[in-house]
PDB file of all heavy atoms in Angstrom:
ATOM      1  N   ALA A   1       0.820  -1.215   0.000  1.00  0.00           N
ATOM      2  CA  ALA A   1       0.000   0.000   0.000  1.00  0.00           C
ATOM      3  C   ALA A   1       0.853   1.264   0.000  1.00  0.00           C
ATOM      4  O   ALA A   1       0.471   2.282  -0.588  1.00  0.00           O
ATOM      5  CB  ALA A   1      -0.939   0.000   1.201  1.00  0.00           C
ATOM      6  N   SER A   2       2.020   1.207   0.620  1.00  0.00           N
ATOM      7  CA  SER A   2       2.882   2.388   0.697  1.00  0.00           C
ATOM      8  C   SER A   2       3.506   2.744  -0.644  1.00  0.00           C
ATOM      9  O   SER A   2       3.973   3.869  -0.842  1.00  0.00           O
ATOM     10  CB  SER A   2       3.991   2.166   1.731  1.00  0.00           C
ATOM     11  OG  SER A   2       4.927   1.193   1.283  1.00  0.00           O
ATOM     12  N   GLN A   3       3.509   1.794  -1.590  1.00  0.00           N
ATOM     13  CA  GLN A   3       4.163   2.022  -2.870  1.00  0.00           C
ATOM     14  C   GLN A   3       3.195   2.115  -4.053  1.00  0.00           C
ATOM     15  O   GLN A   3       3.580   2.515  -5.139  1.00  0.00           O
ATOM     16  CB  GLN A   3       5.165   0.896  -3.141  1.00  0.00           C
ATOM     17  CG  GLN A   3       6.272   0.805  -2.107  1.00  0.00           C
ATOM     18  CD  GLN A   3       7.301  -0.251  -2.452  1.00  0.00           C
ATOM     19  OE1 GLN A   3       7.442  -0.653  -3.598  1.00  0.00           O
ATOM     20  NE2 GLN A   3       8.027  -0.714  -1.440  1.00  0.00           N
ATOM     21  N   ALA A   4       1.943   1.744  -3.844  1.00  0.00           N
ATOM     22  CA  ALA A   4       0.986   1.647  -4.946  1.00  0.00           C
ATOM     23  C   ALA A   4       0.519   3.015  -5.420  1.00  0.00           C
ATOM     24  O   ALA A   4       0.465   3.981  -4.653  1.00  0.00           O
ATOM     25  CB  ALA A   4      -0.215   0.819  -4.504  1.00  0.00           C
ATOM     26  N   VAL A   5       0.146   3.077  -6.715  1.00  0.00           N
ATOM     27  CA  VAL A   5      -0.390   4.303  -7.312  1.00  0.00           C
ATOM     28  C   VAL A   5      -1.638   3.942  -8.130  1.00  0.00           C
ATOM     29  O   VAL A   5      -1.820   2.789  -8.527  1.00  0.00           O
ATOM     30  CB  VAL A   5       0.646   5.004  -8.214  1.00  0.00           C
ATOM     31  CG1 VAL A   5       1.859   5.448  -7.411  1.00  0.00           C
ATOM     32  CG2 VAL A   5       1.072   4.100  -9.375  1.00  0.00           C
ATOM     33  N   PRO A   6      -2.510   4.923  -8.399  1.00  0.00           N
ATOM     34  CA  PRO A   6      -3.743   4.648  -9.147  1.00  0.00           C
ATOM     35  C   PRO A   6      -3.475   4.040 -10.522  1.00  0.00           C
ATOM     36  O   PRO A   6      -2.614   4.517 -11.269  1.00  0.00           O
ATOM     37  CB  PRO A   6      -4.389   6.030  -9.276  1.00  0.00           C
ATOM     38  CG  PRO A   6      -3.870   6.796  -8.113  1.00  0.00           C
ATOM     39  CD  PRO A   6      -2.458   6.324  -7.934  1.00  0.00           C
ATOM     40  N   GLY A   7      -4.204   2.986 -10.842  1.00  0.00           N
ATOM     41  CA  GLY A   7      -4.058   2.324 -12.131  1.00  0.00           C
ATOM     42  C   GLY A   7      -3.265   1.030 -12.070  1.00  0.00           C
ATOM     43  O   GLY A   7      -3.275   0.252 -13.026  1.00  0.00           O
ATOM     44  N   GLN A   8      -2.594   0.787 -10.942  1.00  0.00           N
ATOM     45  CA  GLN A   8      -1.847  -0.462 -10.794  1.00  0.00           C
ATOM     46  C   GLN A   8      -2.770  -1.593 -10.339  1.00  0.00           C
ATOM     47  O   GLN A   8      -3.955  -1.397 -10.091  1.00  0.00           O
ATOM     48  CB  GLN A   8      -0.697  -0.277  -9.799  1.00  0.00           C
ATOM     49  CG  GLN A   8       0.434   0.599 -10.309  1.00  0.00           C
ATOM     50  CD  GLN A   8       1.604   0.633  -9.342  1.00  0.00           C
ATOM     51  OE1 GLN A   8       1.459   0.999  -8.177  1.00  0.00           O
ATOM     52  NE2 GLN A   8       2.778   0.241  -9.829  1.00  0.00           N
ATOM     53  N   PHE A   9      -2.194  -2.793 -10.201  1.00  0.00           N
ATOM     54  CA  PHE A   9      -2.959  -3.949  -9.742  1.00  0.00           C
ATOM     55  C   PHE A   9      -2.092  -4.815  -8.860  1.00  0.00           C
ATOM     56  O   PHE A   9      -0.876  -4.598  -8.737  1.00  0.00           O
ATOM     57  CB  PHE A   9      -3.511  -4.746 -10.931  1.00  0.00           C
ATOM     58  CG  PHE A   9      -2.468  -5.430 -11.778  1.00  0.00           C
ATOM     59  CD1 PHE A   9      -2.157  -6.765 -11.591  1.00  0.00           C
ATOM     60  CD2 PHE A   9      -1.798  -4.734 -12.788  1.00  0.00           C
ATOM     61  CE1 PHE A   9      -1.202  -7.402 -12.378  1.00  0.00           C
ATOM     62  CE2 PHE A   9      -0.841  -5.354 -13.582  1.00  0.00           C
ATOM     63  CZ  PHE A   9      -0.539  -6.689 -13.370  1.00  0.00           C
ATOM     64  N   VAL A  10      -2.720  -5.806  -8.238  1.00  0.00           N
ATOM     65  CA  VAL A  10      -1.977  -6.803  -7.463  1.00  0.00           C
ATOM     66  C   VAL A  10      -2.367  -8.190  -7.942  1.00  0.00           C
ATOM     67  O   VAL A  10      -3.460  -8.399  -8.473  1.00  0.00           O
ATOM     68  CB  VAL A  10      -2.255  -6.695  -5.940  1.00  0.00           C
ATOM     69  CG1 VAL A  10      -1.631  -5.445  -5.365  1.00  0.00           C
ATOM     70  CG2 VAL A  10      -3.752  -6.753  -5.645  1.00  0.00           C
ATOM     71  N   ASN A  11      -1.479  -9.138  -7.764  1.00  0.00           N
ATOM     72  CA  ASN A  11      -1.788 -10.543  -8.002  1.00  0.00           C
ATOM     73  C   ASN A  11      -2.185 -11.164  -6.666  1.00  0.00           C
ATOM     74  O   ASN A  11      -1.424 -11.099  -5.689  1.00  0.00           O
ATOM     75  CB  ASN A  11      -0.582 -11.276  -8.586  1.00  0.00           C
ATOM     76  CG  ASN A  11      -0.623 -11.320 -10.102  1.00  0.00           C
ATOM     77  OD1 ASN A  11      -1.594 -10.906 -10.723  1.00  0.00           O
ATOM     78  ND2 ASN A  11       0.439 -11.835 -10.707  1.00  0.00           N
ATOM     79  N   VAL A  12      -3.364 -11.757  -6.636  1.00  0.00           N
ATOM     80  CA  VAL A  12      -3.892 -12.349  -5.410  1.00  0.00           C
ATOM     81  C   VAL A  12      -3.824 -13.872  -5.524  1.00  0.00           C
ATOM     82  O   VAL A  12      -4.381 -14.459  -6.455  1.00  0.00           O
ATOM     83  CB  VAL A  12      -5.351 -11.909  -5.177  1.00  0.00           C
ATOM     84  CG1 VAL A  12      -5.880 -12.513  -3.877  1.00  0.00           C
ATOM     85  CG2 VAL A  12      -5.457 -10.386  -5.151  1.00  0.00           C
ATOM     86  N   PHE A  13      -3.148 -14.515  -4.576  1.00  0.00           N
ATOM     87  CA  PHE A  13      -3.036 -15.972  -4.539  1.00  0.00           C
ATOM     88  C   PHE A  13      -4.103 -16.510  -3.592  1.00  0.00           C
ATOM     89  O   PHE A  13      -4.149 -16.129  -2.419  1.00  0.00           O
ATOM     90  CB  PHE A  13      -1.650 -16.400  -4.049  1.00  0.00           C
ATOM     91  CG  PHE A  13      -0.534 -16.022  -4.982  1.00  0.00           C
ATOM     92  CD1 PHE A  13       0.008 -14.745  -4.949  1.00  0.00           C
ATOM     93  CD2 PHE A  13      -0.029 -16.939  -5.892  1.00  0.00           C
ATOM     94  CE1 PHE A  13       1.044 -14.387  -5.808  1.00  0.00           C
ATOM     95  CE2 PHE A  13       1.002 -16.600  -6.746  1.00  0.00           C
ATOM     96  CZ  PHE A  13       1.541 -15.321  -6.715  1.00  0.00           C
ATOM     97  N   THR A  14      -4.960 -17.401  -4.081  1.00  0.00           N
ATOM     98  CA  THR A  14      -5.994 -17.968  -3.222  1.00  0.00           C
ATOM     99  C   THR A  14      -5.377 -19.047  -2.334  1.00  0.00           C
ATOM    100  O   THR A  14      -4.325 -19.609  -2.660  1.00  0.00           O
ATOM    101  CB  THR A  14      -7.134 -18.589  -4.050  1.00  0.00           C
ATOM    102  OG1 THR A  14      -6.671 -19.794  -4.657  1.00  0.00           O
ATOM    103  CG2 THR A  14      -7.635 -17.628  -5.115  1.00  0.00           C
ATOM    104  N   PRO A  15      -6.036 -19.356  -1.210  1.00  0.00           N
ATOM    105  CA  PRO A  15      -5.492 -20.404  -0.322  1.00  0.00           C
ATOM    106  C   PRO A  15      -5.622 -21.811  -0.890  1.00  0.00           C
ATOM    107  O   PRO A  15      -5.026 -22.743  -0.347  1.00  0.00           O
ATOM    108  CB  PRO A  15      -6.356 -20.244   0.949  1.00  0.00           C
ATOM    109  CG  PRO A  15      -7.613 -19.589   0.488  1.00  0.00           C
ATOM    110  CD  PRO A  15      -7.216 -18.688  -0.642  1.00  0.00           C
ATOM    111  N   ASP A  16      -6.372 -21.986  -1.974  1.00  0.00           N
ATOM    112  CA  ASP A  16      -6.503 -23.290  -2.620  1.00  0.00           C
ATOM    113  C   ASP A  16      -5.248 -23.549  -3.456  1.00  0.00           C
ATOM    114  O   ASP A  16      -5.043 -22.939  -4.505  1.00  0.00           O
ATOM    115  CB  ASP A  16      -7.752 -23.306  -3.502  1.00  0.00           C
ATOM    116  CG  ASP A  16      -8.019 -24.672  -4.124  1.00  0.00           C
ATOM    117  OD1 ASP A  16      -7.100 -25.518  -4.140  1.00  0.00           O
ATOM    118  OD2 ASP A  16      -9.149 -24.888  -4.609  1.00  0.00           O
ATOM    119  N   LYS A  17      -4.403 -24.439  -2.987  1.00  0.00           N
ATOM    120  CA  LYS A  17      -3.113 -24.688  -3.642  1.00  0.00           C
ATOM    121  C   LYS A  17      -3.259 -25.335  -5.019  1.00  0.00           C
ATOM    122  O   LYS A  17      -2.297 -25.384  -5.789  1.00  0.00           O
ATOM    123  CB  LYS A  17      -2.231 -25.560  -2.749  1.00  0.00           C
ATOM    124  CG  LYS A  17      -1.929 -24.934  -1.399  1.00  0.00           C
ATOM    125  CD  LYS A  17      -1.310 -23.537  -1.536  1.00  0.00           C
ATOM    126  CE  LYS A  17      -1.026 -22.929  -0.175  1.00  0.00           C
ATOM    127  NZ  LYS A  17      -0.522 -21.538  -0.276  1.00  0.00           N
ATOM    128  N   SER A  18      -4.459 -25.833  -5.346  1.00  0.00           N
ATOM    129  CA  SER A  18      -4.666 -26.388  -6.687  1.00  0.00           C
ATOM    130  C   SER A  18      -4.797 -25.283  -7.726  1.00  0.00           C
ATOM    131  O   SER A  18      -4.690 -25.536  -8.926  1.00  0.00           O
ATOM    132  CB  SER A  18      -5.919 -27.274  -6.712  1.00  0.00           C
ATOM    133  OG  SER A  18      -7.103 -26.495  -6.574  1.00  0.00           O
ATOM    134  N   LYS A  19      -5.030 -24.048  -7.275  1.00  0.00           N
ATOM    135  CA  LYS A  19      -5.111 -22.890  -8.164  1.00  0.00           C
ATOM    136  C   LYS A  19      -3.720 -22.247  -8.200  1.00  0.00           C
ATOM    137  O   LYS A  19      -3.385 -21.406  -7.369  1.00  0.00           O
ATOM    138  CB  LYS A  19      -6.149 -21.882  -7.673  1.00  0.00           C
ATOM    139  CG  LYS A  19      -7.547 -22.486  -7.488  1.00  0.00           C
ATOM    140  CD  LYS A  19      -8.159 -22.884  -8.821  1.00  0.00           C
ATOM    141  CE  LYS A  19      -9.590 -23.373  -8.657  1.00  0.00           C
ATOM    142  NZ  LYS A  19      -9.705 -24.681  -7.976  1.00  0.00           N
ATOM    143  N   LEU A  20      -2.904 -22.704  -9.146  1.00  0.00           N
ATOM    144  CA  LEU A  20      -1.502 -22.287  -9.157  1.00  0.00           C
ATOM    145  C   LEU A  20      -1.330 -20.825  -9.537  1.00  0.00           C
ATOM    146  O   LEU A  20      -0.430 -20.150  -9.032  1.00  0.00           O
ATOM    147  CB  LEU A  20      -0.716 -23.172 -10.132  1.00  0.00           C
ATOM    148  CG  LEU A  20      -0.648 -24.665  -9.779  1.00  0.00           C
ATOM    149  CD1 LEU A  20       0.122 -25.411 -10.856  1.00  0.00           C
ATOM    150  CD2 LEU A  20      -0.023 -24.874  -8.417  1.00  0.00           C
ATOM    151  N   LEU A  21      -2.167 -20.335 -10.449  1.00  0.00           N
ATOM    152  CA  LEU A  21      -1.993 -18.975 -10.939  1.00  0.00           C
ATOM    153  C   LEU A  21      -2.749 -17.974 -10.066  1.00  0.00           C
ATOM    154  O   LEU A  21      -3.878 -18.234  -9.657  1.00  0.00           O
ATOM    155  CB  LEU A  21      -2.473 -18.860 -12.390  1.00  0.00           C
ATOM    156  CG  LEU A  21      -1.711 -19.701 -13.410  1.00  0.00           C
ATOM    157  CD1 LEU A  21      -2.333 -19.530 -14.787  1.00  0.00           C
ATOM    158  CD2 LEU A  21      -0.237 -19.317 -13.438  1.00  0.00           C
ATOM    159  N   PRO A  22      -2.142 -16.827  -9.802  1.00  0.00           N
ATOM    160  CA  PRO A  22      -2.825 -15.793  -9.028  1.00  0.00           C
ATOM    161  C   PRO A  22      -3.889 -15.089  -9.862  1.00  0.00           C
ATOM    162  O   PRO A  22      -3.917 -15.217 -11.086  1.00  0.00           O
ATOM    163  CB  PRO A  22      -1.697 -14.838  -8.660  1.00  0.00           C
ATOM    164  CG  PRO A  22      -0.727 -14.966  -9.802  1.00  0.00           C
ATOM    165  CD  PRO A  22      -0.791 -16.421 -10.192  1.00  0.00           C
ATOM    166  N   ARG A  23      -4.743 -14.329  -9.183  1.00  0.00           N
ATOM    167  CA  ARG A  23      -5.782 -13.554  -9.861  1.00  0.00           C
ATOM    168  C   ARG A  23      -5.375 -12.082  -9.858  1.00  0.00           C
ATOM    169  O   ARG A  23      -5.191 -11.495  -8.781  1.00  0.00           O
ATOM    170  CB  ARG A  23      -7.128 -13.712  -9.133  1.00  0.00           C
ATOM    171  CG  ARG A  23      -7.976 -14.892  -9.603  1.00  0.00           C
ATOM    172  CD  ARG A  23      -7.261 -16.209  -9.524  1.00  0.00           C
ATOM    173  NE  ARG A  23      -8.040 -17.284 -10.159  1.00  0.00           N
ATOM    174  CZ  ARG A  23      -7.566 -18.488 -10.370  1.00  0.00           C
ATOM    175  NH1 ARG A  23      -6.325 -18.803 -10.028  1.00  0.00           N
ATOM    176  NH2 ARG A  23      -8.307 -19.406 -10.946  1.00  0.00           N
ATOM    177  N   PRO A  24      -5.220 -11.468 -11.047  1.00  0.00           N
ATOM    178  CA  PRO A  24      -4.878 -10.046 -11.085  1.00  0.00           C
ATOM    179  C   PRO A  24      -6.120  -9.198 -10.817  1.00  0.00           C
ATOM    180  O   PRO A  24      -7.152  -9.371 -11.464  1.00  0.00           O
ATOM    181  CB  PRO A  24      -4.376  -9.840 -12.524  1.00  0.00           C
ATOM    182  CG  PRO A  24      -5.084 -10.902 -13.315  1.00  0.00           C
ATOM    183  CD  PRO A  24      -5.285 -12.067 -12.391  1.00  0.00           C
ATOM    184  N   ILE A  25      -6.042  -8.306  -9.838  1.00  0.00           N
ATOM    185  CA  ILE A  25      -7.170  -7.454  -9.478  1.00  0.00           C
ATOM    186  C   ILE A  25      -6.674  -6.009  -9.337  1.00  0.00           C
ATOM    187  O   ILE A  25      -5.686  -5.739  -8.646  1.00  0.00           O
ATOM    188  CB  ILE A  25      -7.840  -7.916  -8.171  1.00  0.00           C
ATOM    189  CG1 ILE A  25      -8.323  -9.367  -8.307  1.00  0.00           C
ATOM    190  CG2 ILE A  25      -9.012  -7.004  -7.821  1.00  0.00           C
ATOM    191  CD1 ILE A  25      -8.964  -9.922  -7.043  1.00  0.00           C
ATOM    192  N   SER A  26      -7.364  -5.093 -10.000  1.00  0.00           N
ATOM    193  CA  SER A  26      -6.969  -3.689  -9.983  1.00  0.00           C
ATOM    194  C   SER A  26      -7.244  -3.050  -8.631  1.00  0.00           C
ATOM    195  O   SER A  26      -8.065  -3.542  -7.842  1.00  0.00           O
ATOM    196  CB  SER A  26      -7.715  -2.923 -11.084  1.00  0.00           C
ATOM    197  OG  SER A  26      -9.115  -3.014 -10.870  1.00  0.00           O
ATOM    198  N   LEU A  27      -6.575  -1.958  -8.376  1.00  0.00           N
ATOM    199  CA  LEU A  27      -6.690  -1.268  -7.091  1.00  0.00           C
ATOM    200  C   LEU A  27      -7.810  -0.235  -7.159  1.00  0.00           C
ATOM    201  O   LEU A  27      -7.736   0.726  -7.918  1.00  0.00           O
ATOM    202  CB  LEU A  27      -5.373  -0.587  -6.738  1.00  0.00           C
ATOM    203  CG  LEU A  27      -4.131  -1.492  -6.717  1.00  0.00           C
ATOM    204  CD1 LEU A  27      -2.899  -0.691  -6.311  1.00  0.00           C
ATOM    205  CD2 LEU A  27      -4.334  -2.684  -5.792  1.00  0.00           C
ATOM    206  N   CYS A  28      -8.821  -0.438  -6.332  1.00  0.00           N
ATOM    207  CA  CYS A  28      -9.920   0.521  -6.252  1.00  0.00           C
ATOM    208  C   CYS A  28      -9.595   1.622  -5.250  1.00  0.00           C
ATOM    209  O   CYS A  28     -10.002   2.776  -5.429  1.00  0.00           O
ATOM    210  CB  CYS A  28     -11.204  -0.203  -5.844  1.00  0.00           C
ATOM    211  SG  CYS A  28     -12.629   0.862  -5.611  1.00  0.00           S
ATOM    212  N   GLY A  29      -8.897   1.264  -4.196  1.00  0.00           N
ATOM    213  CA  GLY A  29      -8.531   2.242  -3.180  1.00  0.00           C
ATOM    214  C   GLY A  29      -7.167   1.957  -2.604  1.00  0.00           C
ATOM    215  O   GLY A  29      -6.755   0.795  -2.481  1.00  0.00           O
ATOM    216  N   ILE A  30      -6.447   3.032  -2.272  1.00  0.00           N
ATOM    217  CA  ILE A  30      -5.110   2.930  -1.682  1.00  0.00           C
ATOM    218  C   ILE A  30      -5.061   3.862  -0.479  1.00  0.00           C
ATOM    219  O   ILE A  30      -5.329   5.059  -0.606  1.00  0.00           O
ATOM    220  CB  ILE A  30      -4.011   3.355  -2.677  1.00  0.00           C
ATOM    221  CG1 ILE A  30      -4.069   2.521  -3.958  1.00  0.00           C
ATOM    222  CG2 ILE A  30      -2.630   3.255  -2.029  1.00  0.00           C
ATOM    223  CD1 ILE A  30      -3.248   3.118  -5.100  1.00  0.00           C
ATOM    224  N   ASP A  31      -4.759   3.328   0.694  1.00  0.00           N
ATOM    225  CA  ASP A  31      -4.598   4.150   1.893  1.00  0.00           C
ATOM    226  C   ASP A  31      -3.233   3.830   2.486  1.00  0.00           C
ATOM    227  O   ASP A  31      -3.082   2.894   3.272  1.00  0.00           O
ATOM    228  CB  ASP A  31      -5.712   3.860   2.903  1.00  0.00           C
ATOM    229  CG  ASP A  31      -5.743   4.876   4.052  1.00  0.00           C
ATOM    230  OD1 ASP A  31      -4.665   5.375   4.414  1.00  0.00           O
ATOM    231  OD2 ASP A  31      -6.844   5.147   4.577  1.00  0.00           O
ATOM    232  N   ALA A  32      -2.242   4.623   2.068  1.00  0.00           N
ATOM    233  CA  ALA A  32      -0.875   4.372   2.517  1.00  0.00           C
ATOM    234  C   ALA A  32      -0.739   4.591   4.018  1.00  0.00           C
ATOM    235  O   ALA A  32       0.028   3.889   4.696  1.00  0.00           O
ATOM    236  CB  ALA A  32       0.089   5.281   1.755  1.00  0.00           C
ATOM    237  N   GLU A  33      -1.495   5.544   4.557  1.00  0.00           N
ATOM    238  CA  GLU A  33      -1.408   5.839   5.992  1.00  0.00           C
ATOM    239  C   GLU A  33      -1.916   4.670   6.831  1.00  0.00           C
ATOM    240  O   GLU A  33      -1.313   4.295   7.836  1.00  0.00           O
ATOM    241  CB  GLU A  33      -2.211   7.104   6.303  1.00  0.00           C
ATOM    242  CG  GLU A  33      -2.027   7.612   7.711  1.00  0.00           C
ATOM    243  CD  GLU A  33      -2.677   8.959   7.933  1.00  0.00           C
ATOM    244  OE1 GLU A  33      -2.572   9.824   7.038  1.00  0.00           O
ATOM    245  OE2 GLU A  33      -3.293   9.150   8.995  1.00  0.00           O
ATOM    246  N   GLU A  34      -3.039   4.082   6.403  1.00  0.00           N
ATOM    247  CA  GLU A  34      -3.605   2.937   7.126  1.00  0.00           C
ATOM    248  C   GLU A  34      -2.957   1.617   6.696  1.00  0.00           C
ATOM    249  O   GLU A  34      -3.142   0.581   7.342  1.00  0.00           O
ATOM    250  CB  GLU A  34      -5.110   2.860   6.881  1.00  0.00           C
ATOM    251  CG  GLU A  34      -5.898   3.988   7.508  1.00  0.00           C
ATOM    252  CD  GLU A  34      -5.875   3.934   9.030  1.00  0.00           C
ATOM    253  OE1 GLU A  34      -5.869   2.817   9.587  1.00  0.00           O
ATOM    254  OE2 GLU A  34      -5.846   5.013   9.647  1.00  0.00           O
ATOM    255  N   GLY A  35      -2.238   1.656   5.583  1.00  0.00           N
ATOM    256  CA  GLY A  35      -1.596   0.441   5.084  1.00  0.00           C
ATOM    257  C   GLY A  35      -2.570  -0.544   4.481  1.00  0.00           C
ATOM    258  O   GLY A  35      -2.384  -1.760   4.583  1.00  0.00           O
ATOM    259  N   THR A  36      -3.626  -0.010   3.821  1.00  0.00           N
ATOM    260  CA  THR A  36      -4.649  -0.895   3.259  1.00  0.00           C
ATOM    261  C   THR A  36      -4.857  -0.663   1.760  1.00  0.00           C
ATOM    262  O   THR A  36      -4.599   0.419   1.236  1.00  0.00           O
ATOM    263  CB  THR A  36      -6.004  -0.693   3.966  1.00  0.00           C
ATOM    264  OG1 THR A  36      -6.430   0.674   3.811  1.00  0.00           O
ATOM    265  CG2 THR A  36      -5.904  -1.035   5.434  1.00  0.00           C
ATOM    266  N   LEU A  37      -5.338  -1.709   1.109  1.00  0.00           N
ATOM    267  CA  LEU A  37      -5.773  -1.645  -0.281  1.00  0.00           C
ATOM    268  C   LEU A  37      -7.233  -2.077  -0.342  1.00  0.00           C
ATOM    269  O   LEU A  37      -7.665  -2.973   0.389  1.00  0.00           O
ATOM    270  CB  LEU A  37      -4.949  -2.585  -1.167  1.00  0.00           C
ATOM    271  CG  LEU A  37      -3.460  -2.287  -1.328  1.00  0.00           C
ATOM    272  CD1 LEU A  37      -2.815  -3.379  -2.182  1.00  0.00           C
ATOM    273  CD2 LEU A  37      -3.233  -0.918  -1.943  1.00  0.00           C
TER     274      LEU A  37
END
């Protein structure tokens, strides 16, 4: 969150290990002060 900027995305890895590939999801909100996305 401290490094993200509008228009970027993150790769999200699900806890199901059979799903090898992460899911790319764009950033709707960035709060660097709170450390949240």
